[in-house]
Amino acid sequence: MNLNEIYTTALNNVLDEMRKICPDIQHAFVYNQSGEIIAGSADTPQKVMARVVDAFDDIFERAEA
């Protein structure tokens, strides 16, 4: 297991624990500055996470302007 896999596993565990503590959280994921999705809850479709990342990137671009 390489270092990235260890971080991904740890982040997935944190997201799962957050969702257990706060059941109102339905979808959670973590992505890096380049837009790569690092970890995410198993029941959140990859397509949904990608759309959210794109939306956040648009917001960040507008905020910088």
N, C-alpha and C. Protein backbone atom coordinates (compact mmCIF):
# COMPACT_ATOMS: atom_id res chain seq x y z
N MET A 1 0.86 -1.18 0.00
CA MET A 1 0.00 0.00 0.00
C MET A 1 0.90 1.24 0.00
N ASN A 2 0.68 2.13 -0.96
CA ASN A 2 1.51 3.33 -1.02
C ASN A 2 0.93 4.44 -0.13
N LEU A 3 1.65 5.53 -0.03
CA LEU A 3 1.28 6.62 0.87
C LEU A 3 -0.06 7.24 0.50
N ASN A 4 -0.34 7.41 -0.80
CA ASN A 4 -1.61 7.99 -1.23
C ASN A 4 -2.79 7.11 -0.83
N GLU A 5 -2.62 5.81 -0.94
CA GLU A 5 -3.69 4.89 -0.54
C GLU A 5 -3.95 4.95 0.96
N ILE A 6 -2.89 5.13 1.73
CA ILE A 6 -3.05 5.26 3.18
C ILE A 6 -3.82 6.52 3.52
N TYR A 7 -3.46 7.64 2.89
CA TYR A 7 -4.19 8.90 3.12
C TYR A 7 -5.65 8.79 2.69
N THR A 8 -5.88 8.16 1.55
CA THR A 8 -7.25 8.01 1.06
C THR A 8 -8.08 7.17 2.02
N THR A 9 -7.51 6.09 2.51
CA THR A 9 -8.22 5.25 3.47
C THR A 9 -8.52 6.02 4.75
N ALA A 10 -7.55 6.77 5.25
CA ALA A 10 -7.75 7.55 6.46
C ALA A 10 -8.83 8.62 6.26
N LEU A 11 -8.80 9.31 5.13
CA LEU A 11 -9.80 10.33 4.86
C LEU A 11 -11.19 9.73 4.70
N ASN A 12 -11.28 8.59 4.05
CA ASN A 12 -12.58 7.91 3.93
C ASN A 12 -13.12 7.53 5.30
N ASN A 13 -12.25 7.07 6.19
CA ASN A 13 -12.67 6.74 7.55
C ASN A 13 -13.17 7.97 8.30
N VAL A 14 -12.48 9.08 8.13
CA VAL A 14 -12.91 10.33 8.77
C VAL A 14 -14.27 10.76 8.24
N LEU A 15 -14.46 10.69 6.94
CA LEU A 15 -15.75 11.06 6.35
C LEU A 15 -16.87 10.16 6.86
N ASP A 16 -16.60 8.87 6.97
CA ASP A 16 -17.60 7.94 7.49
C ASP A 16 -17.96 8.26 8.94
N GLU A 17 -16.95 8.57 9.76
CA GLU A 17 -17.21 8.92 11.16
C GLU A 17 -18.00 10.23 11.26
N MET A 18 -17.67 11.20 10.41
CA MET A 18 -18.42 12.47 10.41
C MET A 18 -19.88 12.22 10.09
N ARG A 19 -20.13 11.35 9.15
CA ARG A 19 -21.51 11.06 8.76
C ARG A 19 -22.25 10.31 9.85
N LYS A 20 -21.53 9.51 10.65
CA LYS A 20 -22.16 8.83 11.78
C LYS A 20 -22.53 9.82 12.88
N ILE A 21 -21.66 10.78 13.12
CA ILE A 21 -21.90 11.78 14.17
C ILE A 21 -22.97 12.77 13.74
N CYS A 22 -22.94 13.15 12.48
CA CYS A 22 -23.90 14.13 11.94
C CYS A 22 -24.71 13.44 10.83
N PRO A 23 -25.80 12.78 11.19
CA PRO A 23 -26.57 12.05 10.18
C PRO A 23 -27.22 12.94 9.11
N ASP A 24 -27.25 14.25 9.34
CA ASP A 24 -27.80 15.15 8.34
C ASP A 24 -26.88 15.29 7.13
N ILE A 25 -25.62 14.94 7.28
CA ILE A 25 -24.69 14.99 6.16
C ILE A 25 -24.98 13.79 5.27
N GLN A 26 -25.39 14.07 4.05
CA GLN A 26 -25.75 12.99 3.13
C GLN A 26 -24.60 12.60 2.22
N HIS A 27 -23.84 13.59 1.77
CA HIS A 27 -22.74 13.33 0.85
C HIS A 27 -21.53 14.11 1.32
N ALA A 28 -20.37 13.47 1.27
CA ALA A 28 -19.14 14.14 1.68
C ALA A 28 -17.99 13.62 0.82
N PHE A 29 -17.07 14.53 0.49
CA PHE A 29 -15.88 14.12 -0.24
C PHE A 29 -14.80 15.16 -0.04
N VAL A 30 -13.57 14.77 -0.36
CA VAL A 30 -12.41 15.64 -0.24
C VAL A 30 -11.72 15.67 -1.59
N TYR A 31 -11.34 16.87 -2.02
CA TYR A 31 -10.59 16.97 -3.27
C TYR A 31 -9.44 17.93 -3.09
N ASN A 32 -8.43 17.81 -3.94
CA ASN A 32 -7.25 18.65 -3.81
C ASN A 32 -7.35 19.88 -4.70
N GLN A 33 -6.32 20.70 -4.66
CA GLN A 33 -6.32 21.98 -5.38
C GLN A 33 -6.43 21.81 -6.89
N SER A 34 -5.97 20.69 -7.41
CA SER A 34 -6.05 20.48 -8.85
C SER A 34 -7.38 19.86 -9.28
N GLY A 35 -8.28 19.64 -8.33
CA GLY A 35 -9.61 19.13 -8.66
C GLY A 35 -9.73 17.62 -8.62
N GLU A 36 -8.69 16.94 -8.20
CA GLU A 36 -8.73 15.48 -8.11
C GLU A 36 -9.45 15.07 -6.83
N ILE A 37 -10.42 14.20 -6.95
CA ILE A 37 -11.18 13.72 -5.80
C ILE A 37 -10.33 12.68 -5.08
N ILE A 38 -10.02 12.96 -3.82
CA ILE A 38 -9.13 12.11 -3.04
C ILE A 38 -9.91 11.04 -2.28
N ALA A 39 -11.01 11.46 -1.68
CA ALA A 39 -11.82 10.53 -0.88
C ALA A 39 -13.27 10.97 -0.96
N GLY A 40 -14.16 10.02 -0.81
CA GLY A 40 -15.58 10.35 -0.84
C GLY A 40 -16.42 9.23 -0.27
N SER A 41 -17.61 9.59 0.19
CA SER A 41 -18.50 8.57 0.74
C SER A 41 -18.92 7.62 -0.38
N ALA A 42 -19.09 6.38 -0.01
CA ALA A 42 -19.35 5.32 -1.00
C ALA A 42 -20.67 5.51 -1.73
N ASP A 43 -21.65 6.12 -1.07
CA ASP A 43 -22.96 6.26 -1.71
C ASP A 43 -23.11 7.54 -2.53
N THR A 44 -22.04 8.32 -2.65
CA THR A 44 -22.06 9.51 -3.49
C THR A 44 -21.50 9.15 -4.86
N PRO A 45 -22.30 9.27 -5.91
CA PRO A 45 -21.81 8.92 -7.25
C PRO A 45 -20.64 9.82 -7.68
N GLN A 46 -19.70 9.23 -8.37
CA GLN A 46 -18.53 9.96 -8.87
C GLN A 46 -18.95 11.14 -9.74
N LYS A 47 -20.00 10.96 -10.51
CA LYS A 47 -20.50 12.01 -11.41
C LYS A 47 -20.95 13.24 -10.61
N VAL A 48 -21.60 13.01 -9.49
CA VAL A 48 -22.07 14.11 -8.64
C VAL A 48 -20.89 14.85 -8.04
N MET A 49 -19.90 14.10 -7.54
CA MET A 49 -18.72 14.74 -6.96
C MET A 49 -17.99 15.58 -8.00
N ALA A 50 -17.89 15.09 -9.22
CA ALA A 50 -17.20 15.83 -10.28
C ALA A 50 -17.94 17.13 -10.60
N ARG A 51 -19.28 17.09 -10.62
CA ARG A 51 -20.05 18.31 -10.88
C ARG A 51 -19.85 19.34 -9.77
N VAL A 52 -19.82 18.88 -8.54
CA VAL A 52 -19.63 19.80 -7.41
C VAL A 52 -18.24 20.42 -7.46
N VAL A 53 -17.23 19.63 -7.77
CA VAL A 53 -15.87 20.16 -7.89
C VAL A 53 -15.83 21.22 -8.98
N ASP A 54 -16.46 20.98 -10.12
CA ASP A 54 -16.50 21.96 -11.20
C ASP A 54 -17.20 23.24 -10.74
N ALA A 55 -18.28 23.11 -10.00
CA ALA A 55 -19.01 24.29 -9.51
C ALA A 55 -18.15 25.08 -8.53
N PHE A 56 -17.45 24.38 -7.63
CA PHE A 56 -16.57 25.08 -6.69
C PHE A 56 -15.43 25.78 -7.43
N ASP A 57 -14.88 25.14 -8.45
CA ASP A 57 -13.81 25.77 -9.22
C ASP A 57 -14.29 27.06 -9.88
N ASP A 58 -15.51 27.05 -10.41
CA ASP A 58 -16.08 28.26 -11.00
C ASP A 58 -16.22 29.36 -9.95
N ILE A 59 -16.68 29.00 -8.77
CA ILE A 59 -16.83 29.98 -7.69
C ILE A 59 -15.47 30.56 -7.30
N PHE A 60 -14.46 29.69 -7.16
CA PHE A 60 -13.12 30.16 -6.80
C PHE A 60 -12.53 31.07 -7.86
N GLU A 61 -12.75 30.76 -9.12
CA GLU A 61 -12.25 31.60 -10.21
C GLU A 61 -12.90 32.99 -10.16
N ARG A 62 -14.19 33.04 -9.91
CA ARG A 62 -14.89 34.32 -9.83
C ARG A 62 -14.45 35.10 -8.60
N ALA A 63 -14.18 34.41 -7.52
CA ALA A 63 -13.75 35.08 -6.29
C ALA A 63 -12.38 35.72 -6.46
N GLU A 64 -11.50 35.07 -7.24
CA GLU A 64 -10.18 35.64 -7.48
C GLU A 64 -10.25 36.89 -8.33
N ALA A 65 -11.23 36.95 -9.23
CA ALA A 65 -11.36 38.13 -10.08
C ALA A 65 -11.84 39.28 -9.25
